[in-house]
Amino acid sequence: MTTEISNQKRSAVVFPKQQKVLAELGENIKLARLRRHYTQQLIAERTGLSRLTIRKIEAGDSTVSLGHYVSVLGVLGLVEDFAKVARDDELGRKLQDIALIGKQK
């Protein structure tokens, strides 16, 4: 019984709001590709991914690995943008400041 469970693929739970963000990311990737006059076939060849996977990425499919998204961003010259995600963690800084102020009292 445990063998059956371990062989099953797990998929992330993606809520509608999060799916909307992925769809926006996919659309942005598609627009960047079109601005460069790159075809899906060219992206597929440069990344080693299938055209189906490229279509899924452009649709914001949550089943595609993050590494594949990064690979496509790399071909588009946008991988540095990915490194900016969560760089300015406003909530985290506020929580950290609250904790530091609490220690001073």
Protein backbone atom coordinates (compact mmCIF):
# COMPACT_ATOMS: atom_id res chain seq x y z
CA MET A 1 0.00 0.00 0.00
CA THR A 2 2.80 2.49 0.81
CA THR A 3 4.43 1.73 -2.54
CA GLU A 4 1.28 2.79 -4.38
CA ILE A 5 1.12 6.07 -2.47
CA SER A 6 4.80 6.92 -2.99
CA ASN A 7 4.56 6.30 -6.75
CA GLN A 8 1.74 8.80 -7.17
CA LYS A 9 2.67 12.29 -8.33
CA ARG A 10 1.96 15.02 -5.83
CA SER A 11 0.66 18.30 -7.12
CA ALA A 12 0.68 21.65 -5.40
CA VAL A 13 -2.55 23.10 -4.12
CA VAL A 14 -3.01 26.30 -6.08
CA PHE A 15 -5.83 28.56 -5.04
CA PRO A 16 -7.67 30.74 -7.60
CA LYS A 17 -5.84 33.93 -6.58
CA GLN A 18 -2.49 32.16 -6.96
CA GLN A 19 -3.56 30.67 -10.30
CA LYS A 20 -4.35 34.19 -11.48
CA VAL A 21 -0.77 35.23 -10.64
CA LEU A 22 0.60 32.23 -12.56
CA ALA A 23 -1.62 33.08 -15.53
CA GLU A 24 -0.28 36.64 -15.47
CA LEU A 25 3.29 35.34 -15.34
CA GLY A 26 2.58 33.06 -18.29
CA GLU A 27 1.05 35.94 -20.26
CA ASN A 28 4.07 38.13 -19.48
CA ILE A 29 6.40 35.39 -20.69
CA LYS A 30 4.36 35.00 -23.87
CA LEU A 31 4.42 38.75 -24.53
CA ALA A 32 8.18 38.87 -23.96
CA ARG A 33 8.63 36.04 -26.44
CA LEU A 34 6.45 37.76 -29.03
CA ARG A 35 8.26 41.10 -28.58
CA ARG A 36 11.50 39.32 -29.43
CA HIS A 37 9.87 37.61 -32.43
CA TYR A 38 10.78 34.21 -30.97
CA THR A 39 8.63 31.21 -31.81
CA GLN A 40 7.60 28.60 -29.28
CA GLN A 41 9.70 26.17 -31.33
CA LEU A 42 12.81 28.34 -30.89
CA ILE A 43 12.25 28.55 -27.11
CA ALA A 44 11.72 24.79 -27.01
CA GLU A 45 14.97 24.15 -28.89
CA ARG A 46 17.01 26.52 -26.72
CA THR A 47 15.64 25.13 -23.46
CA GLY A 48 15.35 21.48 -24.43
CA LEU A 49 11.68 21.55 -23.45
CA SER A 50 8.77 20.43 -25.59
CA ARG A 51 6.50 22.90 -27.34
CA LEU A 52 3.67 21.55 -25.16
CA THR A 53 5.62 22.57 -22.05
CA ILE A 54 6.24 26.03 -23.52
CA ARG A 55 2.49 26.37 -24.16
CA LYS A 56 1.79 25.29 -20.58
CA ILE A 57 4.24 27.87 -19.24
CA GLU A 58 2.60 30.60 -21.31
CA ALA A 59 -0.74 29.49 -19.88
CA GLY A 60 0.59 29.69 -16.31
CA ASP A 61 0.25 25.96 -15.70
CA SER A 62 1.06 25.12 -12.07
CA THR A 63 2.16 21.57 -12.94
CA VAL A 64 5.24 22.82 -14.81
CA SER A 65 8.37 22.87 -12.69
CA LEU A 66 9.79 26.16 -11.51
CA GLY A 67 13.07 25.21 -13.16
CA HIS A 68 11.35 25.12 -16.55
CA TYR A 69 9.95 28.62 -16.00
CA VAL A 70 13.45 29.84 -15.09
CA SER A 71 14.92 28.14 -18.17
CA VAL A 72 12.48 30.00 -20.45
CA LEU A 73 13.15 33.27 -18.64
CA GLY A 74 16.85 32.67 -19.24
CA VAL A 75 16.36 32.36 -22.99
CA LEU A 76 14.35 35.60 -22.93
CA GLY A 77 17.08 37.36 -20.95
CA LEU A 78 14.76 37.89 -17.99
CA VAL A 79 16.07 35.43 -15.42
CA GLU A 80 17.46 38.31 -13.32
CA ASP A 81 13.88 39.49 -12.82
CA PHE A 82 13.11 36.19 -11.13
CA ALA A 83 15.79 36.89 -8.53
CA LYS A 84 13.86 40.01 -7.50
CA VAL A 85 10.92 37.98 -6.20
CA ALA A 86 10.48 38.53 -2.46
CA ARG A 87 13.60 40.71 -2.30
CA ASP A 88 11.73 43.56 -0.63
CA ASP A 89 9.90 41.65 2.10
CA GLU A 90 7.95 44.47 3.72
CA LEU A 91 5.90 42.24 6.03
CA GLY A 92 8.99 40.27 7.11
CA ARG A 93 10.85 43.47 7.93
CA LYS A 94 7.93 44.77 10.02
CA LEU A 95 7.76 41.51 11.95
CA GLN A 96 11.51 41.61 12.49
CA ASP A 97 11.33 45.22 13.71
CA ILE A 98 8.52 44.34 16.14
CA ALA A 99 10.60 41.49 17.53
CA LEU A 100 13.65 43.73 17.91
CA ILE A 101 11.65 46.45 19.66
CA GLY A 102 10.20 43.84 22.02
CA LYS A 103 13.70 42.70 23.02
CA GLN A 104 14.72 46.25 23.97
CA LYS A 105 11.98 46.61 26.60
